[in-house]
N, C-alpha and C. Protein backbone atom coordinates (compact mmCIF):
# COMPACT_ATOMS: atom_id res chain seq x y z
N MET A 1 -46.12 20.62 -10.25
CA MET A 1 -44.82 21.16 -9.92
C MET A 1 -44.10 20.28 -8.90
N GLY A 2 -44.84 19.71 -7.96
CA GLY A 2 -44.22 18.88 -6.94
C GLY A 2 -43.56 17.64 -7.51
N TYR A 3 -44.20 17.03 -8.52
CA TYR A 3 -43.65 15.83 -9.13
C TYR A 3 -42.34 16.12 -9.86
N VAL A 4 -42.32 17.21 -10.61
CA VAL A 4 -41.12 17.59 -11.37
C VAL A 4 -39.98 17.91 -10.41
N LEU A 5 -40.29 18.57 -9.31
CA LEU A 5 -39.26 18.90 -8.33
C LEU A 5 -38.69 17.63 -7.70
N ARG A 6 -39.54 16.67 -7.39
CA ARG A 6 -39.08 15.41 -6.83
C ARG A 6 -38.20 14.64 -7.82
N VAL A 7 -38.58 14.65 -9.09
CA VAL A 7 -37.77 13.97 -10.11
C VAL A 7 -36.41 14.64 -10.24
N ARG A 8 -36.41 15.96 -10.24
CA ARG A 8 -35.14 16.69 -10.34
C ARG A 8 -34.25 16.44 -9.13
N LEU A 9 -34.83 16.46 -7.94
CA LEU A 9 -34.04 16.20 -6.73
C LEU A 9 -33.52 14.77 -6.73
N ALA A 10 -34.34 13.82 -7.13
CA ALA A 10 -33.90 12.43 -7.20
C ALA A 10 -32.76 12.28 -8.21
N SER A 11 -32.89 12.95 -9.34
CA SER A 11 -31.83 12.88 -10.35
C SER A 11 -30.55 13.53 -9.82
N PHE A 12 -30.70 14.66 -9.14
CA PHE A 12 -29.54 15.33 -8.58
C PHE A 12 -28.82 14.44 -7.58
N PHE A 13 -29.57 13.86 -6.65
CA PHE A 13 -28.94 13.02 -5.63
C PHE A 13 -28.37 11.73 -6.21
N ALA A 14 -29.01 11.20 -7.24
CA ALA A 14 -28.45 10.02 -7.90
C ALA A 14 -27.12 10.37 -8.57
N GLY A 15 -27.07 11.52 -9.23
CA GLY A 15 -25.82 11.96 -9.85
C GLY A 15 -24.74 12.26 -8.82
N ALA A 16 -25.15 12.89 -7.70
CA ALA A 16 -24.18 13.20 -6.64
C ALA A 16 -23.63 11.92 -6.03
N ALA A 17 -24.48 10.93 -5.82
CA ALA A 17 -24.02 9.66 -5.26
C ALA A 17 -23.09 8.95 -6.22
N THR A 18 -23.43 8.96 -7.50
CA THR A 18 -22.59 8.31 -8.51
C THR A 18 -21.23 8.99 -8.60
N SER A 19 -21.22 10.30 -8.61
CA SER A 19 -19.94 11.01 -8.70
C SER A 19 -19.13 10.84 -7.41
N SER A 20 -19.80 10.73 -6.27
CA SER A 20 -19.09 10.48 -5.01
C SER A 20 -18.41 9.12 -5.04
N PHE A 21 -19.14 8.10 -5.50
CA PHE A 21 -18.54 6.77 -5.59
C PHE A 21 -17.37 6.76 -6.57
N ALA A 22 -17.53 7.44 -7.69
CA ALA A 22 -16.45 7.50 -8.67
C ALA A 22 -15.24 8.23 -8.08
N GLY A 23 -15.49 9.32 -7.38
CA GLY A 23 -14.39 10.05 -6.76
C GLY A 23 -13.67 9.24 -5.70
N LEU A 24 -14.44 8.52 -4.89
CA LEU A 24 -13.82 7.67 -3.87
C LEU A 24 -13.00 6.55 -4.49
N TYR A 25 -13.49 6.00 -5.58
CA TYR A 25 -12.75 4.95 -6.29
C TYR A 25 -11.44 5.48 -6.84
N ILE A 26 -11.48 6.67 -7.43
CA ILE A 26 -10.26 7.28 -7.96
C ILE A 26 -9.28 7.59 -6.84
N LEU A 27 -9.77 8.10 -5.71
CA LEU A 27 -8.89 8.36 -4.57
C LEU A 27 -8.29 7.08 -4.03
N TYR A 28 -9.08 6.01 -3.99
CA TYR A 28 -8.58 4.72 -3.51
C TYR A 28 -7.46 4.22 -4.42
N LYS A 29 -7.68 4.30 -5.72
CA LYS A 29 -6.64 3.86 -6.67
C LYS A 29 -5.38 4.72 -6.53
N ASP A 30 -5.55 6.03 -6.37
CA ASP A 30 -4.41 6.92 -6.20
C ASP A 30 -3.65 6.58 -4.92
N PHE A 31 -4.38 6.33 -3.86
CA PHE A 31 -3.76 5.94 -2.59
C PHE A 31 -2.99 4.64 -2.75
N LYS A 32 -3.58 3.68 -3.46
CA LYS A 32 -2.94 2.38 -3.66
C LYS A 32 -1.64 2.53 -4.45
N VAL A 33 -1.66 3.35 -5.50
CA VAL A 33 -0.45 3.56 -6.31
C VAL A 33 0.63 4.25 -5.48
N ALA A 34 0.24 5.26 -4.70
CA ALA A 34 1.21 5.96 -3.87
C ALA A 34 1.78 5.04 -2.80
N HIS A 35 0.94 4.21 -2.21
CA HIS A 35 1.40 3.27 -1.19
C HIS A 35 2.40 2.28 -1.77
N ASP A 36 2.11 1.75 -2.95
CA ASP A 36 3.03 0.81 -3.60
C ASP A 36 4.35 1.47 -3.94
N ALA A 37 4.32 2.71 -4.39
CA ALA A 37 5.55 3.42 -4.74
C ALA A 37 6.41 3.65 -3.49
N ILE A 38 5.80 4.07 -2.41
CA ILE A 38 6.55 4.30 -1.18
C ILE A 38 7.09 2.98 -0.64
N PHE A 39 6.30 1.91 -0.72
CA PHE A 39 6.74 0.61 -0.25
C PHE A 39 7.97 0.14 -1.03
N GLN A 40 7.97 0.34 -2.33
CA GLN A 40 9.12 -0.06 -3.14
C GLN A 40 10.36 0.75 -2.78
N GLN A 41 10.20 2.04 -2.52
CA GLN A 41 11.33 2.87 -2.13
C GLN A 41 11.90 2.42 -0.80
N VAL A 42 11.03 2.16 0.16
CA VAL A 42 11.48 1.73 1.49
C VAL A 42 12.14 0.36 1.39
N GLU A 43 11.60 -0.51 0.57
CA GLU A 43 12.18 -1.84 0.41
C GLU A 43 13.58 -1.76 -0.20
N SER A 44 13.78 -0.88 -1.17
CA SER A 44 15.11 -0.75 -1.77
C SER A 44 16.11 -0.16 -0.77
N VAL A 45 15.67 0.78 0.05
CA VAL A 45 16.55 1.34 1.08
C VAL A 45 16.88 0.26 2.11
N HIS A 46 15.90 -0.53 2.46
CA HIS A 46 16.11 -1.60 3.44
C HIS A 46 17.11 -2.62 2.91
N GLU A 47 16.99 -3.01 1.65
CA GLU A 47 17.93 -3.95 1.06
C GLU A 47 19.34 -3.36 1.02
N SER A 48 19.44 -2.09 0.69
CA SER A 48 20.74 -1.44 0.66
C SER A 48 21.38 -1.43 2.04
N LEU A 49 20.58 -1.11 3.06
CA LEU A 49 21.10 -1.12 4.42
C LEU A 49 21.50 -2.52 4.86
N ASP A 50 20.74 -3.52 4.47
CA ASP A 50 21.10 -4.89 4.81
C ASP A 50 22.44 -5.28 4.20
N ARG A 51 22.67 -4.88 2.94
CA ARG A 51 23.96 -5.18 2.31
C ARG A 51 25.10 -4.48 3.02
N ARG A 52 24.89 -3.22 3.41
CA ARG A 52 25.93 -2.48 4.11
C ARG A 52 26.24 -3.09 5.47
N ILE A 53 25.19 -3.49 6.19
CA ILE A 53 25.39 -4.09 7.51
C ILE A 53 26.12 -5.42 7.38
N SER A 54 25.76 -6.21 6.38
CA SER A 54 26.45 -7.48 6.15
C SER A 54 27.92 -7.26 5.84
N ALA A 55 28.20 -6.26 5.01
CA ALA A 55 29.60 -5.96 4.68
C ALA A 55 30.37 -5.53 5.92
N LEU A 56 29.75 -4.70 6.76
CA LEU A 56 30.43 -4.27 7.99
C LEU A 56 30.64 -5.43 8.95
N GLU A 57 29.68 -6.33 9.05
CA GLU A 57 29.85 -7.48 9.93
C GLU A 57 30.96 -8.39 9.43
N LYS A 58 31.06 -8.59 8.11
CA LYS A 58 32.16 -9.39 7.56
C LYS A 58 33.50 -8.73 7.83
N LEU A 59 33.54 -7.40 7.68
CA LEU A 59 34.78 -6.67 7.94
C LEU A 59 35.17 -6.79 9.40
N LYS A 60 34.20 -6.71 10.28
CA LYS A 60 34.47 -6.84 11.71
C LYS A 60 34.96 -8.24 12.04
N GLN A 61 34.37 -9.26 11.42
CA GLN A 61 34.83 -10.63 11.66
C GLN A 61 36.26 -10.82 11.16
N ASN A 62 36.57 -10.26 10.01
CA ASN A 62 37.93 -10.38 9.47
C ASN A 62 38.94 -9.67 10.37
N GLU A 63 38.56 -8.52 10.90
CA GLU A 63 39.47 -7.80 11.79
C GLU A 63 39.64 -8.53 13.12
N ALA A 64 38.61 -9.21 13.57
CA ALA A 64 38.69 -9.95 14.83
C ALA A 64 39.56 -11.19 14.67
N THR A 65 39.56 -11.82 13.51
CA THR A 65 40.36 -13.03 13.32
C THR A 65 41.81 -12.72 12.99
N GLN A 66 42.12 -11.56 12.48
CA GLN A 66 43.50 -11.21 12.14
C GLN A 66 44.43 -11.16 13.35
N PRO A 67 44.05 -10.56 14.47
CA PRO A 67 44.97 -10.59 15.61
C PRO A 67 45.20 -12.00 16.15
N LEU A 68 44.23 -12.88 16.04
CA LEU A 68 44.41 -14.25 16.48
C LEU A 68 45.43 -14.96 15.58
N GLN A 69 45.39 -14.70 14.30
CA GLN A 69 46.33 -15.32 13.38
C GLN A 69 47.72 -14.74 13.58
N ALA A 70 47.82 -13.47 13.91
CA ALA A 70 49.14 -12.87 14.12
C ALA A 70 49.77 -13.36 15.41
N ALA A 71 48.97 -13.69 16.41
CA ALA A 71 49.49 -14.15 17.69
C ALA A 71 50.02 -15.57 17.59
N GLU A 72 49.57 -16.33 16.65
CA GLU A 72 50.00 -17.73 16.54
C GLU A 72 51.36 -17.86 16.01
């Protein structure tokens, strides 16, 4: 009886370890996909903000040069 119990426990722990590794791998892949998706969203927002800031800076430069041209 002792031998059979040891074999069953060894099989159980081997299966538990295998399923744990598989679960961790799946969680890692899920985390990686979610991280990439959030990174892409943040990058697109950042690019949009950069375009808006550039447009505002150009507008500010144009407004600053207009009074100089009118004074001449």
